[in-house]
Amino acid sequence: MPTPDRDDTGEPTDGSTDHQPPDDQPTCPYCESTDVTLESAFGSEISKSQYYCRNCRTMFERLKYDGERPDTGR
């Protein structure tokens, strides 16, 4: 059911997206560069992703959900 700020599919009506905020760009924890690439969707745990920093040439892991509970469809 649509609400004033959502359409009938649940998406925001203002054109924004809830899926990934603009400031959600991964940054390297060692050199703070944003020049990183996703190396693997799964890291040492299923809740982590592996990234590679092109600036300092270091691999690092990042939590996928950052504390938000993912929709499991249940």
C-alpha atoms as a PDB file:
ATOM      1  CA  MET A   1       0.000   0.000   0.000  1.00  0.00           C
ATOM      2  CA  PRO A   2       1.446   3.378  -0.972  1.00  0.00           C
ATOM      3  CA  THR A   3       2.250   5.963   1.687  1.00  0.00           C
ATOM      4  CA  PRO A   4       3.033   9.672   1.180  1.00  0.00           C
ATOM      5  CA  ASP A   5       6.772   8.944   0.921  1.00  0.00           C
ATOM      6  CA  ARG A   6       6.642   5.462  -0.727  1.00  0.00           C
ATOM      7  CA  ASP A   7       5.074   4.074  -3.892  1.00  0.00           C
ATOM      8  CA  ASP A   8       3.176   0.768  -4.103  1.00  0.00           C
ATOM      9  CA  THR A   9       6.449  -1.192  -4.426  1.00  0.00           C
ATOM     10  CA  GLY A  10       7.873   0.334  -1.238  1.00  0.00           C
ATOM     11  CA  GLU A  11      10.455   2.495  -3.031  1.00  0.00           C
ATOM     12  CA  PRO A  12      10.855   6.163  -1.990  1.00  0.00           C
ATOM     13  CA  THR A  13       8.808   8.570  -4.115  1.00  0.00           C
ATOM     14  CA  ASP A  14      11.519  11.266  -4.099  1.00  0.00           C
ATOM     15  CA  GLY A  15      13.745   9.222  -6.425  1.00  0.00           C
ATOM     16  CA  SER A  16      16.273   8.328  -3.741  1.00  0.00           C
ATOM     17  CA  THR A  17      17.183   4.768  -2.886  1.00  0.00           C
ATOM     18  CA  ASP A  18      17.415   3.005   0.448  1.00  0.00           C
ATOM     19  CA  HIS A  19      19.752   0.331  -0.888  1.00  0.00           C
ATOM     20  CA  GLN A  20      23.072   2.134  -0.616  1.00  0.00           C
ATOM     21  CA  PRO A  21      23.564   5.594   0.830  1.00  0.00           C
ATOM     22  CA  PRO A  22      25.933   7.904  -1.106  1.00  0.00           C
ATOM     23  CA  ASP A  23      28.478   7.908   1.733  1.00  0.00           C
ATOM     24  CA  ASP A  24      28.633   4.103   1.719  1.00  0.00           C
ATOM     25  CA  GLN A  25      31.734   4.108  -0.511  1.00  0.00           C
ATOM     26  CA  PRO A  26      34.255   1.702   1.038  1.00  0.00           C
ATOM     27  CA  THR A  27      37.460   3.350   2.195  1.00  0.00           C
ATOM     28  CA  CYS A  28      40.750   1.660   2.932  1.00  0.00           C
ATOM     29  CA  PRO A  29      41.291   1.371   6.703  1.00  0.00           C
ATOM     30  CA  TYR A  30      45.068   1.735   6.206  1.00  0.00           C
ATOM     31  CA  CYS A  31      45.454   4.754   3.897  1.00  0.00           C
ATOM     32  CA  GLU A  32      41.814   6.048   3.782  1.00  0.00           C
ATOM     33  CA  SER A  33      41.755   5.922  -0.031  1.00  0.00           C
ATOM     34  CA  THR A  34      38.456   5.370  -1.862  1.00  0.00           C
ATOM     35  CA  ASP A  35      40.259   3.828  -4.851  1.00  0.00           C
ATOM     36  CA  VAL A  36      39.180   0.309  -3.906  1.00  0.00           C
ATOM     37  CA  THR A  37      37.730  -2.631  -5.823  1.00  0.00           C
ATOM     38  CA  LEU A  38      35.523  -5.464  -4.648  1.00  0.00           C
ATOM     39  CA  GLU A  39      37.615  -8.632  -4.835  1.00  0.00           C
ATOM     40  CA  SER A  40      35.151 -11.117  -3.366  1.00  0.00           C
ATOM     41  CA  ALA A  41      31.548 -10.898  -2.193  1.00  0.00           C
ATOM     42  CA  PHE A  42      32.441 -13.255   0.647  1.00  0.00           C
ATOM     43  CA  GLY A  43      35.364 -12.840   3.019  1.00  0.00           C
ATOM     44  CA  SER A  44      36.400 -14.918   6.018  1.00  0.00           C
ATOM     45  CA  GLU A  45      32.747 -14.835   7.120  1.00  0.00           C
ATOM     46  CA  ILE A  46      29.553 -14.674   5.072  1.00  0.00           C
ATOM     47  CA  SER A  47      28.778 -11.231   6.525  1.00  0.00           C
ATOM     48  CA  LYS A  48      32.005  -9.691   5.153  1.00  0.00           C
ATOM     49  CA  SER A  49      33.236  -8.680   1.695  1.00  0.00           C
ATOM     50  CA  GLN A  50      36.862  -8.496   0.590  1.00  0.00           C
ATOM     51  CA  TYR A  51      38.221  -5.345  -1.046  1.00  0.00           C
ATOM     52  CA  TYR A  52      41.562  -4.419  -2.612  1.00  0.00           C
ATOM     53  CA  CYS A  53      43.017  -0.934  -2.205  1.00  0.00           C
ATOM     54  CA  ARG A  54      44.764   0.240  -5.376  1.00  0.00           C
ATOM     55  CA  ASN A  55      46.553   3.019  -3.508  1.00  0.00           C
ATOM     56  CA  CYS A  56      48.425   1.015  -0.827  1.00  0.00           C
ATOM     57  CA  ARG A  57      47.892  -2.416  -2.467  1.00  0.00           C
ATOM     58  CA  THR A  58      46.331  -3.969   0.609  1.00  0.00           C
ATOM     59  CA  MET A  59      43.402  -6.381   0.969  1.00  0.00           C
ATOM     60  CA  PHE A  60      40.832  -5.665   3.672  1.00  0.00           C
ATOM     61  CA  GLU A  61      37.417  -6.913   4.749  1.00  0.00           C
ATOM     62  CA  ARG A  62      34.297  -4.900   5.423  1.00  0.00           C
ATOM     63  CA  LEU A  63      30.968  -5.797   6.994  1.00  0.00           C
ATOM     64  CA  LYS A  64      28.263  -6.052   4.348  1.00  0.00           C
ATOM     65  CA  TYR A  65      25.316  -4.858   6.386  1.00  0.00           C
ATOM     66  CA  ASP A  66      26.959  -2.467   8.869  1.00  0.00           C
ATOM     67  CA  GLY A  67      24.515  -3.344  11.634  1.00  0.00           C
ATOM     68  CA  GLU A  68      21.331  -3.211   9.596  1.00  0.00           C
ATOM     69  CA  ARG A  69      19.303  -6.376   9.558  1.00  0.00           C
ATOM     70  CA  PRO A  70      18.944  -7.686   5.980  1.00  0.00           C
ATOM     71  CA  ASP A  71      15.494  -8.538   4.612  1.00  0.00           C
ATOM     72  CA  THR A  72      15.268 -12.333   4.540  1.00  0.00           C
ATOM     73  CA  GLY A  73      11.757 -12.440   3.114  1.00  0.00           C
ATOM     74  CA  ARG A  74      10.305 -14.028   6.240  1.00  0.00           C
END
